[in-house]
Each structure stands twice: as structure tokens, then as C-alpha cells.
Amino acid sequence: MSLESPTRFLRMEAPKGIKILAEAGDIQATCRNELRLESRDGEISLEAKRIRLPHLLQDISSSSSSSSSSSSSTSGRQKVYEVCVCENGRLFLSQAGTGTTCHMSNNVCV
């Protein structure tokens, strides 16, 4: 089944919700400009074993703030990152520390 509008705008509306289900396959959404998920009164929930954001920007200043002596002792460990949100809604990765490393003054948010 295909649902498309090659020349105009496509909107799906229903008074009790819309459910998209692929029991034995994948669901893919592709667009040229902006893909928006919006919930006016509730929440947006992504439930999966893995959620990948392969091209997410990384805050370089947070990873360079650790000293070289501590990096040699943790070189065998996997680095842990946290997903941060700028005021403008942009997401970025920041190397996790004991406290939050999400600072809105990052050059990533510009």
C-alpha cells in the first residue's frame, strides 16, 4: 500500500487517533526538509531496543575537558554520552560526567 501526494500536501486526521503498524517489516519516513512529530496534550514515546541518531552533533568541548591522565586509565572503558537539547530544539551529544554536561552556551546550539 502506498499513501502519497506527489504534488501537494498530505494530512491524516482521525478523531480517535491513527495507528501505523508493520508486524513483519520496517516503517520508514523520509522527507526533503523537516519531519515533525507533535503532541499537543500528551507525549511522544519511542519504544525500541535501540534508537539510533547517527548524525547527531557532538560537543567537542565536553570530551576535551578531561585530563590526559584520566583518559589513559579509562581507555579500556566505553565512553558514555548524554543527549542534550538546546533552547532552539537541536539535539547534541555530550560526554557524560558525574554531573550534567549539557550547557546551553555550547557552540553546538548556535
Protein backbone atom coordinates (compact mmCIF):
# COMPACT_ATOMS: atom_id res chain seq x y z
CA MET A 1 0.00 0.00 0.00
CA SER A 2 1.21 3.47 -0.79
CA LEU A 3 -0.05 6.76 0.61
CA GLU A 4 1.42 9.73 -1.23
CA SER A 5 0.78 13.18 -2.57
CA PRO A 6 3.34 13.90 -5.29
CA THR A 7 2.26 17.50 -5.97
CA ARG A 8 0.61 18.81 -2.79
CA PHE A 9 0.20 18.41 0.95
CA LEU A 10 -0.87 15.17 2.67
CA ARG A 11 -2.63 15.14 6.04
CA MET A 12 -4.00 12.22 8.05
CA GLU A 13 -6.56 13.05 10.72
CA ALA A 14 -8.82 10.92 12.89
CA PRO A 15 -10.93 11.77 15.93
CA LYS A 16 -9.64 8.79 17.93
CA GLY A 17 -6.06 8.52 16.67
CA ILE A 18 -4.01 6.99 13.90
CA LYS A 19 -2.06 3.78 14.27
CA ILE A 20 0.65 2.71 11.86
CA LEU A 21 1.77 -0.89 12.31
CA ALA A 22 4.17 -3.12 10.38
CA GLU A 23 4.07 -6.56 12.02
CA ALA A 24 6.74 -8.16 9.83
CA GLY A 25 8.70 -5.27 8.40
CA ASP A 26 10.03 -1.75 8.79
CA ILE A 27 8.38 1.66 8.73
CA GLN A 28 10.34 4.42 7.05
CA ALA A 29 9.57 8.13 6.91
CA THR A 30 11.62 10.26 4.54
CA CYS A 31 11.26 13.90 3.67
CA ARG A 32 13.21 16.65 1.98
CA ASN A 33 13.03 19.35 4.67
CA GLU A 34 11.51 18.73 8.07
CA LEU A 35 9.90 15.74 9.78
CA ARG A 36 7.84 16.86 12.75
CA LEU A 37 6.28 14.73 15.48
CA GLU A 38 4.00 16.82 17.64
CA SER A 39 1.85 16.02 20.66
CA ARG A 40 -0.24 18.90 21.93
CA ASP A 41 -1.56 17.35 25.14
CA GLY A 42 0.49 14.20 25.66
CA GLU A 43 3.91 12.83 24.96
CA ILE A 44 5.91 11.28 22.16
CA SER A 45 7.23 7.86 23.09
CA LEU A 46 9.91 5.98 21.15
CA GLU A 47 9.98 2.38 22.34
CA ALA A 48 12.68 0.18 20.85
CA LYS A 49 15.64 -1.96 21.82
CA ARG A 50 17.85 0.63 20.12
CA ILE A 51 17.26 4.19 18.99
CA ARG A 52 19.93 5.44 16.60
CA LEU A 53 20.72 9.05 15.74
CA PRO A 54 23.78 8.51 13.53
CA HIS A 55 24.45 12.12 12.51
CA LEU A 56 23.92 13.80 15.87
CA LEU A 57 26.38 16.63 16.57
CA GLN A 58 28.86 16.06 19.38
CA ASP A 59 30.02 18.77 21.76
CA ILE A 60 33.80 18.64 21.42
CA SER A 61 34.45 20.86 24.45
CA SER A 62 32.98 18.29 26.88
CA SER A 63 35.24 15.45 25.68
CA SER A 64 38.36 17.61 25.65
CA SER A 65 37.78 18.79 29.22
CA SER A 66 39.01 15.53 30.73
CA SER A 67 42.71 15.35 31.55
CA SER A 68 45.10 13.08 29.70
CA SER A 69 45.93 11.14 32.88
CA SER A 70 42.32 10.17 33.44
CA SER A 71 41.84 9.23 29.81
CA SER A 72 44.70 6.74 29.98
CA SER A 73 43.13 4.98 32.98
CA THR A 74 39.71 4.81 31.31
CA SER A 75 40.95 3.96 27.82
CA GLY A 76 39.62 0.41 28.15
CA ARG A 77 36.16 1.61 29.15
CA GLN A 78 33.40 2.56 26.77
CA LYS A 79 32.62 6.29 26.77
CA VAL A 80 29.14 7.25 27.93
CA TYR A 81 27.30 10.16 26.34
CA GLU A 82 24.12 12.01 27.18
CA VAL A 83 21.70 13.53 24.71
CA CYS A 84 21.26 17.25 25.33
CA VAL A 85 18.70 19.70 23.97
CA CYS A 86 19.43 23.30 23.04
CA GLU A 87 16.85 26.04 23.60
CA ASN A 88 16.17 26.02 19.85
CA GLY A 89 15.34 22.28 19.98
CA ARG A 90 18.56 21.00 18.42
CA LEU A 91 19.87 17.76 19.93
CA PHE A 92 23.56 17.08 20.56
CA LEU A 93 25.75 14.56 22.35
CA SER A 94 27.93 15.45 25.28
CA GLN A 95 30.29 13.11 27.12
CA ALA A 96 28.64 12.23 30.42
CA GLY A 97 30.30 13.18 33.68
CA THR A 98 29.34 12.96 37.34
CA GLY A 99 27.03 15.96 36.87
CA THR A 100 25.26 17.22 33.81
CA THR A 101 27.43 18.26 30.89
CA CYS A 102 24.60 19.88 28.94
CA HIS A 103 25.41 23.56 28.85
CA MET A 104 23.34 25.83 26.61
CA SER A 105 26.34 28.08 25.94
CA ASN A 106 27.83 25.44 23.64
CA ASN A 107 28.76 26.36 20.11
CA VAL A 108 26.58 23.40 19.04
CA CYS A 109 23.39 25.34 19.84
CA VAL A 110 24.22 28.28 17.54
